[in-house]
Amino acid sequence: MNAMDRSRLLPWTSPDGKPCYLLDGSGTGYVSRLADRVEAEQMSSAGEFIVEARRLLVGRAWTPGEIHLLAADLNDHLVRVHRVSRSRGARLRLLIDGPDEDGGDVEGEGAPPVA
């Protein structure tokens, strides 16, 4: 198993929009804790936005511009939530699969599937 197999997809992208990874981390370092905090904020923000979107749609008094903005915002939140779910799913798969090739314990850092 190489380092990329145990990497963590981070909840942000590079300035040019490419995914960022934490390679072979233990899950307890500064970047891991920062990523955990950013993921939690992104998930919370998405939940709050769902309530706001529902309120806007139920009122049925929106303009085309409001619907366009809503669609753009929903897309942004969906992209972030999808990235978080891919990252967490990959780490869960490593935990379920058990120890790594060296016989040591897997510490929860997993790479997402390559698309």
Protein backbone atom coordinates (compact mmCIF):
# COMPACT_ATOMS: atom_id res chain seq x y z
CA MET A 1 0.00 0.00 0.00
CA ASN A 2 1.51 3.34 -1.02
CA ALA A 3 1.14 6.70 0.71
CA MET A 4 -1.59 7.82 -1.70
CA ASP A 5 -3.70 4.81 -0.68
CA ARG A 6 -3.66 6.12 2.89
CA SER A 7 -4.06 9.80 1.99
CA ARG A 8 -6.94 11.98 3.10
CA LEU A 9 -8.91 14.13 0.70
CA LEU A 10 -8.99 17.55 2.34
CA PRO A 11 -12.15 19.68 2.40
CA TRP A 12 -10.61 22.45 0.28
CA THR A 13 -9.00 22.75 -3.12
CA SER A 14 -5.84 24.36 -4.43
CA PRO A 15 -6.07 27.89 -5.92
CA ASP A 16 -6.54 26.31 -9.36
CA GLY A 17 -9.37 24.05 -8.13
CA LYS A 18 -7.45 20.78 -7.83
CA PRO A 19 -8.06 18.44 -4.87
CA CYS A 20 -5.69 18.64 -1.90
CA TYR A 21 -4.58 15.57 0.07
CA LEU A 22 -2.89 14.93 3.37
CA LEU A 23 -0.45 12.11 2.69
CA ASP A 24 -0.16 9.26 5.15
CA GLY A 25 -1.28 11.27 8.18
CA SER A 26 -2.05 9.85 11.59
CA GLY A 27 -5.31 11.77 11.85
CA THR A 28 -4.17 13.63 14.96
CA GLY A 29 -1.95 16.38 13.53
CA TYR A 30 -2.70 20.04 12.99
CA VAL A 31 -3.83 19.69 9.36
CA SER A 32 -6.11 16.74 10.22
CA ARG A 33 -7.73 18.68 13.06
CA LEU A 34 -8.12 21.74 10.81
CA ALA A 35 -9.70 19.56 8.10
CA ASP A 36 -12.09 18.04 10.68
CA ARG A 37 -13.12 21.54 11.77
CA VAL A 38 -13.60 22.77 8.18
CA GLU A 39 -15.65 19.65 7.32
CA ALA A 40 -17.89 20.23 10.35
CA GLU A 41 -18.40 23.88 9.35
CA GLN A 42 -19.19 22.91 5.76
CA MET A 43 -21.74 20.31 6.85
CA SER A 44 -23.36 22.75 9.28
CA SER A 45 -23.48 25.48 6.65
CA ALA A 46 -25.10 23.08 4.15
CA GLY A 47 -27.74 22.14 6.73
CA GLU A 48 -28.54 25.78 7.40
CA PHE A 49 -28.72 26.50 3.69
CA ILE A 50 -31.19 23.66 3.14
CA VAL A 51 -33.56 25.38 5.59
CA GLU A 52 -33.11 28.71 3.78
CA ALA A 53 -33.65 27.10 0.35
CA ARG A 54 -36.80 25.35 1.55
CA ARG A 55 -38.14 28.65 2.93
CA LEU A 56 -37.53 30.39 -0.39
CA LEU A 57 -39.08 27.61 -2.46
CA VAL A 58 -42.16 27.18 -0.26
CA GLY A 59 -42.96 30.90 -0.55
CA ARG A 60 -43.15 30.62 -4.35
CA ALA A 61 -42.55 34.36 -4.57
CA TRP A 62 -39.10 34.25 -6.11
CA THR A 63 -37.61 35.96 -9.09
CA PRO A 64 -35.60 34.19 -11.80
CA GLY A 65 -32.49 35.83 -10.35
CA GLU A 66 -33.23 34.40 -6.90
CA ILE A 67 -33.71 30.91 -8.35
CA HIS A 68 -30.44 31.24 -10.27
CA LEU A 69 -28.59 32.31 -7.12
CA LEU A 70 -30.24 29.50 -5.15
CA ALA A 71 -29.15 26.93 -7.75
CA ALA A 72 -25.56 28.25 -7.71
CA ASP A 73 -25.43 28.22 -3.89
CA LEU A 74 -26.96 24.74 -3.71
CA ASN A 75 -24.35 23.52 -6.19
CA ASP A 76 -21.51 25.00 -4.10
CA HIS A 77 -22.82 23.33 -0.94
CA LEU A 78 -23.38 20.02 -2.73
CA VAL A 79 -19.79 20.02 -4.05
CA ARG A 80 -18.44 20.55 -0.51
CA VAL A 81 -20.69 17.91 1.06
CA HIS A 82 -19.77 15.43 -1.68
CA ARG A 83 -16.05 16.03 -1.01
CA VAL A 84 -16.57 15.46 2.72
CA SER A 85 -18.53 12.26 2.12
CA ARG A 86 -15.88 10.89 -0.27
CA SER A 87 -13.13 11.64 2.22
CA ARG A 88 -14.97 10.13 5.17
CA GLY A 89 -16.09 7.11 3.16
CA ALA A 90 -12.53 6.35 2.10
CA ARG A 91 -11.31 6.57 5.69
CA LEU A 92 -14.11 4.29 6.86
CA ARG A 93 -13.21 1.70 4.21
CA LEU A 94 -9.65 1.58 5.54
CA LEU A 95 -10.91 1.08 9.07
CA ILE A 96 -13.21 -1.74 7.93
CA ASP A 97 -10.48 -3.42 5.87
CA GLY A 98 -8.27 -3.72 8.95
CA PRO A 99 -4.49 -3.51 9.31
CA ASP A 100 -2.26 -2.28 6.53
CA GLU A 101 0.29 -4.40 4.65
CA ASP A 102 2.95 -3.95 7.33
CA GLY A 103 0.66 -5.48 9.94
CA GLY A 104 0.22 -2.17 11.74
CA ASP A 105 -3.07 -0.57 12.62
CA VAL A 106 -4.74 1.66 10.08
CA GLU A 107 -5.31 5.07 11.61
CA GLY A 108 -8.26 6.27 9.54
CA GLU A 109 -6.58 8.13 6.68
CA GLY A 110 -7.99 6.96 3.35
CA ALA A 111 -7.78 8.05 -0.27
CA PRO A 112 -10.95 8.58 -2.22
CA PRO A 113 -11.51 6.55 -5.35
CA VAL A 114 -9.88 8.05 -8.40
CA ALA A 115 -12.48 9.34 -10.84
